[in-house]
Structure formats: structure tokens, C-alpha cells
Amino acid sequence: MTLAKAQSTVDHWINTVGIRYYDELTNTAILMEETGEVARLMARMYGEQSFKRPEDAASAPAQLADEMADVLFVLICLANQTGVDLEDALKKNLEKKTKRDSERHRNNPKLKDHS
């Protein structure tokens, strides 16, 4: 699915199943909440924190995928509400990063030491 198709699909869902968009400030707060849920799982799956119950670790990959999808959904809602074309924005952002960082990362010894 392209980003343009994702934006169209989310818009259709919001206007049929979801009734209407939450306002932009509410969606921003929801985005922060969903991002925190991704962070909580990442801290337990890849960081030093542990799951409260060992059986929670087994379902963590599926939960992480679902939480990431929640982040993407709300971000798409905000893009739709504010008139941002995510495909165009991502393309321009990658061009900016390529121009700005092409030598910076290549010459970063910290990146070469990672195993």
C-alpha cells in the first residue's frame, strides 16, 4: 500500500466507521500515547526492562506491530487533517537527509564499531 493509498483508506474509514476525525490537538495527544506504548514494548523487548509476566514476552512481537500500526494510523489522520501529502513529505525529507548527512554517517566511527 502506498502512503497516498493509506491516507485515502484512513480517510474513508474515518468518515464511515469513525464518523469524523478527532480534532488535531486530541489526535496529537493520542499520537503521544501510542508512541509511549511502542516505547514501553521496545524497553522490554530490546532494553533492560522485563515483562511483568513471562507469558507477555511471547505476544510482544504482535503487540509491537499493532502499536506501530496505531502510531501510523494516527499520524496519517493528522496528515489528512493538516493537508500533508505524506509521500511527498517523505520524499523531500529523504532528499534533505541525503544531502545533509551523506558524509556525516559514513565518517562516524561510532557506526563502524557496531556489531
PDB file of N, CA and C in Angstrom:
ATOM      1  N   MET A   1       0.854  -1.180   0.000  1.00  0.00           N
ATOM      2  CA  MET A   1       0.000   0.000   0.000  1.00  0.00           C
ATOM      3  C   MET A   1       0.899   1.243   0.000  1.00  0.00           C
ATOM      4  N   THR A   2       0.654   2.142  -0.906  1.00  0.00           N
ATOM      5  CA  THR A   2       1.410   3.394  -0.921  1.00  0.00           C
ATOM      6  C   THR A   2       0.932   4.294   0.215  1.00  0.00           C
ATOM      7  N   LEU A   3       1.710   5.305   0.510  1.00  0.00           N
ATOM      8  CA  LEU A   3       1.276   6.262   1.532  1.00  0.00           C
ATOM      9  C   LEU A   3       0.027   7.006   1.071  1.00  0.00           C
ATOM     10  N   ALA A   4      -0.056   7.329  -0.210  1.00  0.00           N
ATOM     11  CA  ALA A   4      -1.247   8.008  -0.722  1.00  0.00           C
ATOM     12  C   ALA A   4      -2.487   7.128  -0.549  1.00  0.00           C
ATOM     13  N   LYS A   5      -2.349   5.844  -0.841  1.00  0.00           N
ATOM     14  CA  LYS A   5      -3.463   4.913  -0.662  1.00  0.00           C
ATOM     15  C   LYS A   5      -3.806   4.780   0.819  1.00  0.00           C
ATOM     16  N   ALA A   6      -2.793   4.738   1.673  1.00  0.00           N
ATOM     17  CA  ALA A   6      -3.035   4.656   3.113  1.00  0.00           C
ATOM     18  C   ALA A   6      -3.800   5.894   3.589  1.00  0.00           C
ATOM     19  N   GLN A   7      -3.411   7.059   3.109  1.00  0.00           N
ATOM     20  CA  GLN A   7      -4.114   8.279   3.509  1.00  0.00           C
ATOM     21  C   GLN A   7      -5.566   8.246   3.048  1.00  0.00           C
ATOM     22  N   SER A   8      -5.795   7.771   1.835  1.00  0.00           N
ATOM     23  CA  SER A   8      -7.152   7.668   1.309  1.00  0.00           C
ATOM     24  C   SER A   8      -7.966   6.632   2.084  1.00  0.00           C
ATOM     25  N   THR A   9      -7.358   5.499   2.381  1.00  0.00           N
ATOM     26  CA  THR A   9      -8.049   4.424   3.105  1.00  0.00           C
ATOM     27  C   THR A   9      -8.422   4.866   4.514  1.00  0.00           C
ATOM     28  N   VAL A  10      -7.497   5.522   5.208  1.00  0.00           N
ATOM     29  CA  VAL A  10      -7.786   6.016   6.559  1.00  0.00           C
ATOM     30  C   VAL A  10      -8.885   7.069   6.510  1.00  0.00           C
ATOM     31  N   ASP A  11      -8.829   7.954   5.540  1.00  0.00           N
ATOM     32  CA  ASP A  11      -9.859   8.988   5.420  1.00  0.00           C
ATOM     33  C   ASP A  11     -11.237   8.359   5.213  1.00  0.00           C
ATOM     34  N   HIS A  12     -11.291   7.359   4.355  1.00  0.00           N
ATOM     35  CA  HIS A  12     -12.564   6.674   4.116  1.00  0.00           C
ATOM     36  C   HIS A  12     -13.058   6.007   5.400  1.00  0.00           C
ATOM     37  N   TRP A  13     -12.169   5.336   6.116  1.00  0.00           N
ATOM     38  CA  TRP A  13     -12.548   4.670   7.360  1.00  0.00           C
ATOM     39  C   TRP A  13     -13.058   5.684   8.387  1.00  0.00           C
ATOM     40  N   ILE A  14     -12.336   6.769   8.534  1.00  0.00           N
ATOM     41  CA  ILE A  14     -12.738   7.805   9.500  1.00  0.00           C
ATOM     42  C   ILE A  14     -14.130   8.326   9.172  1.00  0.00           C
ATOM     43  N   ASN A  15     -14.389   8.582   7.914  1.00  0.00           N
ATOM     44  CA  ASN A  15     -15.661   9.193   7.520  1.00  0.00           C
ATOM     45  C   ASN A  15     -16.819   8.214   7.430  1.00  0.00           C
ATOM     46  N   THR A  16     -16.551   6.918   7.549  1.00  0.00           N
ATOM     47  CA  THR A  16     -17.636   5.936   7.524  1.00  0.00           C
ATOM     48  C   THR A  16     -17.775   5.241   8.870  1.00  0.00           C
ATOM     49  N   VAL A  17     -16.733   4.567   9.305  1.00  0.00           N
ATOM     50  CA  VAL A  17     -16.769   3.832  10.570  1.00  0.00           C
ATOM     51  C   VAL A  17     -16.521   4.761  11.756  1.00  0.00           C
ATOM     52  N   GLY A  18     -15.546   5.627  11.618  1.00  0.00           N
ATOM     53  CA  GLY A  18     -15.161   6.500  12.718  1.00  0.00           C
ATOM     54  C   GLY A  18     -16.030   7.733  12.886  1.00  0.00           C
ATOM     55  N   ILE A  19     -16.925   7.978  11.987  1.00  0.00           N
ATOM     56  CA  ILE A  19     -17.860   9.109  11.956  1.00  0.00           C
ATOM     57  C   ILE A  19     -17.172  10.412  11.577  1.00  0.00           C
ATOM     58  N   ARG A  20     -16.129  10.806  12.322  1.00  0.00           N
ATOM     59  CA  ARG A  20     -15.383  12.029  11.995  1.00  0.00           C
ATOM     60  C   ARG A  20     -14.014  11.956  12.648  1.00  0.00           C
ATOM     61  N   TYR A  21     -13.125  12.852  12.213  1.00  0.00           N
ATOM     62  CA  TYR A  21     -11.812  12.961  12.838  1.00  0.00           C
ATOM     63  C   TYR A  21     -11.949  13.597  14.218  1.00  0.00           C
ATOM     64  N   TYR A  22     -11.118  13.139  15.176  1.00  0.00           N
ATOM     65  CA  TYR A  22     -10.938  13.905  16.405  1.00  0.00           C
ATOM     66  C   TYR A  22     -10.228  15.192  16.010  1.00  0.00           C
ATOM     67  N   ASP A  23     -10.308  16.214  16.837  1.00  0.00           N
ATOM     68  CA  ASP A  23      -9.596  17.440  16.468  1.00  0.00           C
ATOM     69  C   ASP A  23      -8.088  17.198  16.512  1.00  0.00           C
ATOM     70  N   GLU A  24      -7.342  18.091  15.900  1.00  0.00           N
ATOM     71  CA  GLU A  24      -5.902  17.911  15.735  1.00  0.00           C
ATOM     72  C   GLU A  24      -5.164  17.790  17.076  1.00  0.00           C
ATOM     73  N   LEU A  25      -5.575  18.575  18.061  1.00  0.00           N
ATOM     74  CA  LEU A  25      -4.904  18.505  19.353  1.00  0.00           C
ATOM     75  C   LEU A  25      -5.163  17.157  20.038  1.00  0.00           C
ATOM     76  N   THR A  26      -6.388  16.666  19.951  1.00  0.00           N
ATOM     77  CA  THR A  26      -6.700  15.345  20.509  1.00  0.00           C
ATOM     78  C   THR A  26      -5.883  14.277  19.805  1.00  0.00           C
ATOM     79  N   ASN A  27      -5.811  14.329  18.477  1.00  0.00           N
ATOM     80  CA  ASN A  27      -5.025  13.334  17.746  1.00  0.00           C
ATOM     81  C   ASN A  27      -3.538  13.435  18.072  1.00  0.00           C
ATOM     82  N   THR A  28      -3.048  14.635  18.348  1.00  0.00           N
ATOM     83  CA  THR A  28      -1.650  14.775  18.753  1.00  0.00           C
ATOM     84  C   THR A  28      -1.421  14.085  20.096  1.00  0.00           C
ATOM     85  N   ALA A  29      -2.341  14.262  21.027  1.00  0.00           N
ATOM     86  CA  ALA A  29      -2.229  13.594  22.327  1.00  0.00           C
ATOM     87  C   ALA A  29      -2.312  12.080  22.161  1.00  0.00           C
ATOM     88  N   ILE A  30      -3.191  11.610  21.300  1.00  0.00           N
ATOM     89  CA  ILE A  30      -3.308  10.170  21.038  1.00  0.00           C
ATOM     90  C   ILE A  30      -2.013   9.645  20.415  1.00  0.00           C
ATOM     91  N   LEU A  31      -1.415  10.419  19.510  1.00  0.00           N
ATOM     92  CA  LEU A  31      -0.144  10.023  18.899  1.00  0.00           C
ATOM     93  C   LEU A  31       0.933   9.852  19.969  1.00  0.00           C
ATOM     94  N   MET A  32       0.980  10.754  20.919  1.00  0.00           N
ATOM     95  CA  MET A  32       1.967  10.641  22.002  1.00  0.00           C
ATOM     96  C   MET A  32       1.694   9.403  22.865  1.00  0.00           C
ATOM     97  N   GLU A  33       0.425   9.145  23.125  1.00  0.00           N
ATOM     98  CA  GLU A  33       0.047   7.963  23.902  1.00  0.00           C
ATOM     99  C   GLU A  33       0.477   6.683  23.184  1.00  0.00           C
ATOM    100  N   GLU A  34       0.179   6.586  21.903  1.00  0.00           N
ATOM    101  CA  GLU A  34       0.536   5.398  21.133  1.00  0.00           C
ATOM    102  C   GLU A  34       2.053   5.243  21.018  1.00  0.00           C
ATOM    103  N   THR A  35       2.766   6.349  20.875  1.00  0.00           N
ATOM    104  CA  THR A  35       4.222   6.314  20.812  1.00  0.00           C
ATOM    105  C   THR A  35       4.784   5.786  22.129  1.00  0.00           C
ATOM    106  N   GLY A  36       4.173   6.189  23.231  1.00  0.00           N
ATOM    107  CA  GLY A  36       4.589   5.677  24.540  1.00  0.00           C
ATOM    108  C   GLY A  36       4.389   4.176  24.663  1.00  0.00           C
ATOM    109  N   GLU A  37       3.335   3.663  24.055  1.00  0.00           N
ATOM    110  CA  GLU A  37       3.094   2.220  24.093  1.00  0.00           C
ATOM    111  C   GLU A  37       4.152   1.467  23.285  1.00  0.00           C
ATOM    112  N   VAL A  38       4.581   2.051  22.174  1.00  0.00           N
ATOM    113  CA  VAL A  38       5.689   1.455  21.408  1.00  0.00           C
ATOM    114  C   VAL A  38       6.953   1.480  22.264  1.00  0.00           C
ATOM    115  N   ALA A  39       7.209   2.604  22.912  1.00  0.00           N
ATOM    116  CA  ALA A  39       8.410   2.734  23.741  1.00  0.00           C
ATOM    117  C   ALA A  39       8.406   1.719  24.888  1.00  0.00           C
ATOM    118  N   ARG A  40       7.254   1.508  25.509  1.00  0.00           N
ATOM    119  CA  ARG A  40       7.153   0.540  26.602  1.00  0.00           C
ATOM    120  C   ARG A  40       7.543  -0.852  26.118  1.00  0.00           C
ATOM    121  N   LEU A  41       7.040  -1.257  24.970  1.00  0.00           N
ATOM    122  CA  LEU A  41       7.374  -2.577  24.429  1.00  0.00           C
ATOM    123  C   LEU A  41       8.836  -2.669  24.021  1.00  0.00           C
ATOM    124  N   MET A  42       9.361  -1.625  23.413  1.00  0.00           N
ATOM    125  CA  MET A  42      10.766  -1.628  22.996  1.00  0.00           C
ATOM    126  C   MET A  42      11.694  -1.753  24.204  1.00  0.00           C
ATOM    127  N   ALA A  43      11.346  -1.080  25.301  1.00  0.00           N
ATOM    128  CA  ALA A  43      12.167  -1.146  26.516  1.00  0.00           C
ATOM    129  C   ALA A  43      12.208  -2.556  27.078  1.00  0.00           C
ATOM    130  N   ARG A  44      11.126  -3.289  26.902  1.00  0.00           N
ATOM    131  CA  ARG A  44      11.071  -4.649  27.427  1.00  0.00           C
ATOM    132  C   ARG A  44      11.649  -5.678  26.455  1.00  0.00           C
ATOM    133  N   MET A  45      11.448  -5.453  25.175  1.00  0.00           N
ATOM    134  CA  MET A  45      11.935  -6.407  24.182  1.00  0.00           C
ATOM    135  C   MET A  45      13.430  -6.239  23.889  1.00  0.00           C
ATOM    136  N   TYR A  46      13.908  -4.988  23.877  1.00  0.00           N
ATOM    137  CA  TYR A  46      15.287  -4.724  23.461  1.00  0.00           C
ATOM    138  C   TYR A  46      16.117  -4.002  24.515  1.00  0.00           C
ATOM    139  N   GLY A  47      15.476  -3.522  25.569  1.00  0.00           N
ATOM    140  CA  GLY A  47      16.182  -2.811  26.626  1.00  0.00           C
ATOM    141  C   GLY A  47      16.322  -3.664  27.877  1.00  0.00           C
ATOM    142  N   GLU A  48      16.600  -3.011  28.975  1.00  0.00           N
ATOM    143  CA  GLU A  48      16.857  -3.708  30.226  1.00  0.00           C
ATOM    144  C   GLU A  48      15.601  -4.044  31.022  1.00  0.00           C
ATOM    145  N   GLN A  49      14.474  -3.426  30.689  1.00  0.00           N
ATOM    146  CA  GLN A  49      13.263  -3.734  31.447  1.00  0.00           C
ATOM    147  C   GLN A  49      12.753  -5.131  31.106  1.00  0.00           C
ATOM    148  N   SER A  50      12.038  -5.728  32.055  1.00  0.00           N
ATOM    149  CA  SER A  50      11.471  -7.059  31.833  1.00  0.00           C
ATOM    150  C   SER A  50       9.947  -6.970  31.842  1.00  0.00           C
ATOM    151  N   PHE A  51       9.331  -7.970  31.276  1.00  0.00           N
ATOM    152  CA  PHE A  51       7.881  -8.058  31.313  1.00  0.00           C
ATOM    153  C   PHE A  51       7.449  -8.457  32.717  1.00  0.00           C
ATOM    154  N   LYS A  52       6.287  -7.996  33.131  1.00  0.00           N
ATOM    155  CA  LYS A  52       5.774  -8.348  34.456  1.00  0.00           C
ATOM    156  C   LYS A  52       5.485  -9.840  34.543  1.00  0.00           C
ATOM    157  N   ARG A  53       4.976 -10.392  33.458  1.00  0.00           N
ATOM    158  CA  ARG A  53       4.680 -11.829  33.402  1.00  0.00           C
ATOM    159  C   ARG A  53       5.444 -12.418  32.222  1.00  0.00           C
ATOM    160  N   PRO A  54       6.117 -13.535  32.439  1.00  0.00           N
ATOM    161  CA  PRO A  54       6.906 -14.138  31.352  1.00  0.00           C
ATOM    162  C   PRO A  54       6.080 -14.417  30.091  1.00  0.00           C
ATOM    163  N   GLU A  55       4.816 -14.770  30.258  1.00  0.00           N
ATOM    164  CA  GLU A  55       3.991 -15.078  29.080  1.00  0.00           C
ATOM    165  C   GLU A  55       3.724 -13.849  28.209  1.00  0.00           C
ATOM    166  N   ASP A  56       3.905 -12.645  28.770  1.00  0.00           N
ATOM    167  CA  ASP A  56       3.716 -11.423  27.976  1.00  0.00           C
ATOM    168  C   ASP A  56       4.774 -11.287  26.891  1.00  0.00           C
ATOM    169  N   ALA A  57       5.946 -11.859  27.119  1.00  0.00           N
ATOM    170  CA  ALA A  57       7.021 -11.778  26.132  1.00  0.00           C
ATOM    171  C   ALA A  57       6.644 -12.495  24.835  1.00  0.00           C
ATOM    172  N   ALA A  58       5.888 -13.553  24.931  1.00  0.00           N
ATOM    173  CA  ALA A  58       5.520 -14.319  23.738  1.00  0.00           C
ATOM    174  C   ALA A  58       4.630 -13.518  22.792  1.00  0.00           C
ATOM    175  N   SER A  59       3.757 -12.699  23.345  1.00  0.00           N
ATOM    176  CA  SER A  59       2.846 -11.922  22.486  1.00  0.00           C
ATOM    177  C   SER A  59       3.407 -10.550  22.126  1.00  0.00           C
ATOM    178  N   ALA A  60       4.597 -10.223  22.628  1.00  0.00           N
ATOM    179  CA  ALA A  60       5.164  -8.895  22.415  1.00  0.00           C
ATOM    180  C   ALA A  60       5.381  -8.533  20.947  1.00  0.00           C
ATOM    181  N   PRO A  61       5.901  -9.416  20.096  1.00  0.00           N
ATOM    182  CA  PRO A  61       6.083  -9.023  18.694  1.00  0.00           C
ATOM    183  C   PRO A  61       4.772  -8.615  18.013  1.00  0.00           C
ATOM    184  N   ALA A  62       3.708  -9.335  18.258  1.00  0.00           N
ATOM    185  CA  ALA A  62       2.408  -8.975  17.673  1.00  0.00           C
ATOM    186  C   ALA A  62       1.897  -7.674  18.265  1.00  0.00           C
ATOM    187  N   GLN A  63       2.113  -7.490  19.566  1.00  0.00           N
ATOM    188  CA  GLN A  63       1.698  -6.238  20.205  1.00  0.00           C
ATOM    189  C   GLN A  63       2.471  -5.060  19.632  1.00  0.00           C
ATOM    190  N   LEU A  64       3.777  -5.244  19.426  1.00  0.00           N
ATOM    191  CA  LEU A  64       4.607  -4.172  18.868  1.00  0.00           C
ATOM    192  C   LEU A  64       4.118  -3.771  17.477  1.00  0.00           C
ATOM    193  N   ALA A  65       3.824  -4.758  16.650  1.00  0.00           N
ATOM    194  CA  ALA A  65       3.319  -4.467  15.306  1.00  0.00           C
ATOM    195  C   ALA A  65       2.011  -3.689  15.383  1.00  0.00           C
ATOM    196  N   ASP A  66       1.125  -4.101  16.283  1.00  0.00           N
ATOM    197  CA  ASP A  66      -0.157  -3.424  16.437  1.00  0.00           C
ATOM    198  C   ASP A  66       0.023  -1.991  16.928  1.00  0.00           C
ATOM    199  N   GLU A  67       0.913  -1.793  17.887  1.00  0.00           N
ATOM    200  CA  GLU A  67       1.147  -0.441  18.409  1.00  0.00           C
ATOM    201  C   GLU A  67       1.798   0.458  17.357  1.00  0.00           C
ATOM    202  N   MET A  68       2.703  -0.099  16.569  1.00  0.00           N
ATOM    203  CA  MET A  68       3.300   0.680  15.477  1.00  0.00           C
ATOM    204  C   MET A  68       2.241   1.069  14.457  1.00  0.00           C
ATOM    205  N   ALA A  69       1.321   0.159  14.178  1.00  0.00           N
ATOM    206  CA  ALA A  69       0.227   0.470  13.261  1.00  0.00           C
ATOM    207  C   ALA A  69      -0.668   1.562  13.837  1.00  0.00           C
ATOM    208  N   ASP A  70      -0.890   1.542  15.163  1.00  0.00           N
ATOM    209  CA  ASP A  70      -1.656   2.612  15.804  1.00  0.00           C
ATOM    210  C   ASP A  70      -0.974   3.962  15.615  1.00  0.00           C
ATOM    211  N   VAL A  71       0.355   4.001  15.781  1.00  0.00           N
ATOM    212  CA  VAL A  71       1.109   5.242  15.579  1.00  0.00           C
ATOM    213  C   VAL A  71       0.934   5.724  14.145  1.00  0.00           C
ATOM    214  N   LEU A  72       1.087   4.816  13.205  1.00  0.00           N
ATOM    215  CA  LEU A  72       0.961   5.177  11.792  1.00  0.00           C
ATOM    216  C   LEU A  72      -0.448   5.672  11.472  1.00  0.00           C
ATOM    217  N   PHE A  73      -1.462   5.003  12.008  1.00  0.00           N
ATOM    218  CA  PHE A  73      -2.851   5.400  11.773  1.00  0.00           C
ATOM    219  C   PHE A  73      -3.096   6.834  12.244  1.00  0.00           C
ATOM    220  N   VAL A  74      -2.676   7.143  13.463  1.00  0.00           N
ATOM    221  CA  VAL A  74      -2.927   8.488  13.997  1.00  0.00           C
ATOM    222  C   VAL A  74      -2.098   9.524  13.248  1.00  0.00           C
ATOM    223  N   LEU A  75      -0.871   9.176  12.873  1.00  0.00           N
ATOM    224  CA  LEU A  75      -0.050  10.096  12.088  1.00  0.00           C
ATOM    225  C   LEU A  75      -0.712  10.388  10.739  1.00  0.00           C
ATOM    226  N   ILE A  76      -1.272   9.371  10.123  1.00  0.00           N
ATOM    227  CA  ILE A  76      -1.985   9.556   8.860  1.00  0.00           C
ATOM    228  C   ILE A  76      -3.211  10.442   9.074  1.00  0.00           C
ATOM    229  N   CYS A  77      -3.923  10.242  10.170  1.00  0.00           N
ATOM    230  CA  CYS A  77      -5.059  11.120  10.478  1.00  0.00           C
ATOM    231  C   CYS A  77      -4.610  12.572  10.538  1.00  0.00           C
ATOM    232  N   LEU A  78      -3.520  12.821  11.257  1.00  0.00           N
ATOM    233  CA  LEU A  78      -3.022  14.198  11.376  1.00  0.00           C
ATOM    234  C   LEU A  78      -2.585  14.758  10.028  1.00  0.00           C
ATOM    235  N   ALA A  79      -1.956  13.938   9.213  1.00  0.00           N
ATOM    236  CA  ALA A  79      -1.561  14.386   7.876  1.00  0.00           C
ATOM    237  C   ALA A  79      -2.789  14.761   7.063  1.00  0.00           C
ATOM    238  N   ASN A  80      -3.812  13.909   7.109  1.00  0.00           N
ATOM    239  CA  ASN A  80      -5.044  14.206   6.376  1.00  0.00           C
ATOM    240  C   ASN A  80      -5.672  15.511   6.869  1.00  0.00           C
ATOM    241  N   GLN A  81      -5.689  15.696   8.175  1.00  0.00           N
ATOM    242  CA  GLN A  81      -6.332  16.882   8.751  1.00  0.00           C
ATOM    243  C   GLN A  81      -5.584  18.169   8.425  1.00  0.00           C
ATOM    244  N   THR A  82      -4.274  18.076   8.272  1.00  0.00           N
ATOM    245  CA  THR A  82      -3.472  19.278   8.067  1.00  0.00           C
ATOM    246  C   THR A  82      -3.045  19.475   6.616  1.00  0.00           C
ATOM    247  N   GLY A  83      -3.517  18.597   5.735  1.00  0.00           N
ATOM    248  CA  GLY A  83      -3.220  18.750   4.314  1.00  0.00           C
ATOM    249  C   GLY A  83      -1.812  18.326   3.914  1.00  0.00           C
ATOM    250  N   VAL A  84      -1.190  17.458   4.692  1.00  0.00           N
ATOM    251  CA  VAL A  84       0.160  16.985   4.379  1.00  0.00           C
ATOM    252  C   VAL A  84       0.075  15.744   3.489  1.00  0.00           C
ATOM    253  N   ASP A  85       0.756  15.787   2.365  1.00  0.00           N
ATOM    254  CA  ASP A  85       0.907  14.633   1.481  1.00  0.00           C
ATOM    255  C   ASP A  85       2.123  13.867   1.993  1.00  0.00           C
ATOM    256  N   LEU A  86       1.898  12.754   2.666  1.00  0.00           N
ATOM    257  CA  LEU A  86       2.996  12.021   3.298  1.00  0.00           C
ATOM    258  C   LEU A  86       4.001  11.469   2.293  1.00  0.00           C
ATOM    259  N   GLU A  87       3.565  11.059   1.120  1.00  0.00           N
ATOM    260  CA  GLU A  87       4.514  10.567   0.115  1.00  0.00           C
ATOM    261  C   GLU A  87       5.481  11.667  -0.283  1.00  0.00           C
ATOM    262  N   ASP A  88       4.944  12.839  -0.575  1.00  0.00           N
ATOM    263  CA  ASP A  88       5.775  13.973  -0.966  1.00  0.00           C
ATOM    264  C   ASP A  88       6.661  14.414   0.199  1.00  0.00           C
ATOM    265  N   ALA A  89       6.102  14.459   1.390  1.00  0.00           N
ATOM    266  CA  ALA A  89       6.876  14.881   2.563  1.00  0.00           C
ATOM    267  C   ALA A  89       8.031  13.927   2.844  1.00  0.00           C
ATOM    268  N   LEU A  90       7.782  12.614   2.748  1.00  0.00           N
ATOM    269  CA  LEU A  90       8.838  11.636   2.995  1.00  0.00           C
ATOM    270  C   LEU A  90       9.923  11.729   1.922  1.00  0.00           C
ATOM    271  N   LYS A  91       9.517  11.889   0.678  1.00  0.00           N
ATOM    272  CA  LYS A  91      10.482  12.027  -0.411  1.00  0.00           C
ATOM    273  C   LYS A  91      11.390  13.231  -0.168  1.00  0.00           C
ATOM    274  N   LYS A  92      10.799  14.367   0.168  1.00  0.00           N
ATOM    275  CA  LYS A  92      11.584  15.580   0.427  1.00  0.00           C
ATOM    276  C   LYS A  92      12.460  15.418   1.660  1.00  0.00           C
ATOM    277  N   ASN A  93      11.962  14.727   2.683  1.00  0.00           N
ATOM    278  CA  ASN A  93      12.723  14.517   3.898  1.00  0.00           C
ATOM    279  C   ASN A  93      13.945  13.641   3.632  1.00  0.00           C
ATOM    280  N   LEU A  94      13.770  12.583   2.829  1.00  0.00           N
ATOM    281  CA  LEU A  94      14.896  11.714   2.487  1.00  0.00           C
ATOM    282  C   LEU A  94      15.935  12.464   1.659  1.00  0.00           C
ATOM    283  N   GLU A  95      15.471  13.326   0.744  1.00  0.00           N
ATOM    284  CA  GLU A  95      16.403  14.136  -0.039  1.00  0.00           C
ATOM    285  C   GLU A  95      17.205  15.055   0.874  1.00  0.00           C
ATOM    286  N   LYS A  96      16.537  15.674   1.838  1.00  0.00           N
ATOM    287  CA  LYS A  96      17.200  16.567   2.794  1.00  0.00           C
ATOM    288  C   LYS A  96      18.259  15.797   3.590  1.00  0.00           C
ATOM    289  N   LYS A  97      17.873  14.633   4.107  1.00  0.00           N
ATOM    290  CA  LYS A  97      18.799  13.832   4.903  1.00  0.00           C
ATOM    291  C   LYS A  97      19.992  13.356   4.071  1.00  0.00           C
ATOM    292  N   THR A  98      19.746  12.975   2.843  1.00  0.00           N
ATOM    293  CA  THR A  98      20.824  12.517   1.969  1.00  0.00           C
ATOM    294  C   THR A  98      21.828  13.629   1.731  1.00  0.00           C
ATOM    295  N   LYS A  99      21.316  14.815   1.446  1.00  0.00           N
ATOM    296  CA  LYS A  99      22.183  15.964   1.190  1.00  0.00           C
ATOM    297  C   LYS A  99      22.952  16.356   2.448  1.00  0.00           C
ATOM    298  N   ARG A 100      22.287  16.391   3.565  1.00  0.00           N
ATOM    299  CA  ARG A 100      22.872  16.855   4.824  1.00  0.00           C
ATOM    300  C   ARG A 100      23.815  15.815   5.444  1.00  0.00           C
ATOM    301  N   ASP A 101      23.464  14.539   5.349  1.00  0.00           N
ATOM    302  CA  ASP A 101      24.147  13.516   6.140  1.00  0.00           C
ATOM    303  C   ASP A 101      24.993  12.531   5.338  1.00  0.00           C
ATOM    304  N   SER A 102      25.158  12.766   4.044  1.00  0.00           N
ATOM    305  CA  SER A 102      25.831  11.758   3.221  1.00  0.00           C
ATOM    306  C   SER A 102      27.242  11.450   3.713  1.00  0.00           C
ATOM    307  N   GLU A 103      27.978  12.419   4.148  1.00  0.00           N
ATOM    308  CA  GLU A 103      29.335  12.178   4.644  1.00  0.00           C
ATOM    309  C   GLU A 103      29.360  11.983   6.159  1.00  0.00           C
ATOM    310  N   ARG A 104      28.455  12.611   6.861  1.00  0.00           N
ATOM    311  CA  ARG A 104      28.447  12.565   8.321  1.00  0.00           C
ATOM    312  C   ARG A 104      28.383  11.134   8.850  1.00  0.00           C
ATOM    313  N   HIS A 105      27.468  10.343   8.351  1.00  0.00           N
ATOM    314  CA  HIS A 105      27.316   8.977   8.850  1.00  0.00           C
ATOM    315  C   HIS A 105      28.439   8.068   8.369  1.00  0.00           C
ATOM    316  N   ARG A 106      28.878   8.274   7.159  1.00  0.00           N
ATOM    317  CA  ARG A 106      29.965   7.462   6.600  1.00  0.00           C
ATOM    318  C   ARG A 106      31.250   7.651   7.404  1.00  0.00           C
ATOM    319  N   ASN A 107      31.452   8.848   7.935  1.00  0.00           N
ATOM    320  CA  ASN A 107      32.673   9.154   8.672  1.00  0.00           C
ATOM    321  C   ASN A 107      32.523   9.046  10.177  1.00  0.00           C
ATOM    322  N   ASN A 108      31.437   8.496  10.633  1.00  0.00           N
ATOM    323  CA  ASN A 108      31.179   8.369  12.071  1.00  0.00           C
ATOM    324  C   ASN A 108      31.766   7.041  12.564  1.00  0.00           C
ATOM    325  N   PRO A 109      32.854   7.092  13.347  1.00  0.00           N
ATOM    326  CA  PRO A 109      33.467   5.842  13.816  1.00  0.00           C
ATOM    327  C   PRO A 109      32.543   5.057  14.753  1.00  0.00           C
ATOM    328  N   LYS A 110      31.628   5.708  15.397  1.00  0.00           N
ATOM    329  CA  LYS A 110      30.698   5.010  16.292  1.00  0.00           C
ATOM    330  C   LYS A 110      29.813   4.039  15.509  1.00  0.00           C
ATOM    331  N   LEU A 111      29.505   4.378  14.278  1.00  0.00           N
ATOM    332  CA  LEU A 111      28.661   3.498  13.460  1.00  0.00           C
ATOM    333  C   LEU A 111      29.435   2.300  12.928  1.00  0.00           C
ATOM    334  N   LYS A 112      30.729   2.437  12.780  1.00  0.00           N
ATOM    335  CA  LYS A 112      31.557   1.345  12.264  1.00  0.00           C
ATOM    336  C   LYS A 112      31.854   0.302  13.336  1.00  0.00           C
ATOM    337  N   ASP A 113      31.772   0.710  14.600  1.00  0.00           N
ATOM    338  CA  ASP A 113      32.093  -0.203  15.694  1.00  0.00           C
ATOM    339  C   ASP A 113      30.922  -1.093  16.104  1.00  0.00           C
ATOM    340  N   HIS A 114      29.761  -0.862  15.574  1.00  0.00           N
ATOM    341  CA  HIS A 114      28.577  -1.626  15.981  1.00  0.00           C
ATOM    342  C   HIS A 114      28.626  -3.030  15.405  1.00  0.00           C
ATOM    343  N   SER A 115      28.384  -4.011  16.270  1.00  0.00           N
ATOM    344  CA  SER A 115      28.409  -5.388  15.764  1.00  0.00           C
ATOM    345  C   SER A 115      27.122  -6.084  16.064  1.00  0.00           C
TER     346      SER A 115
END
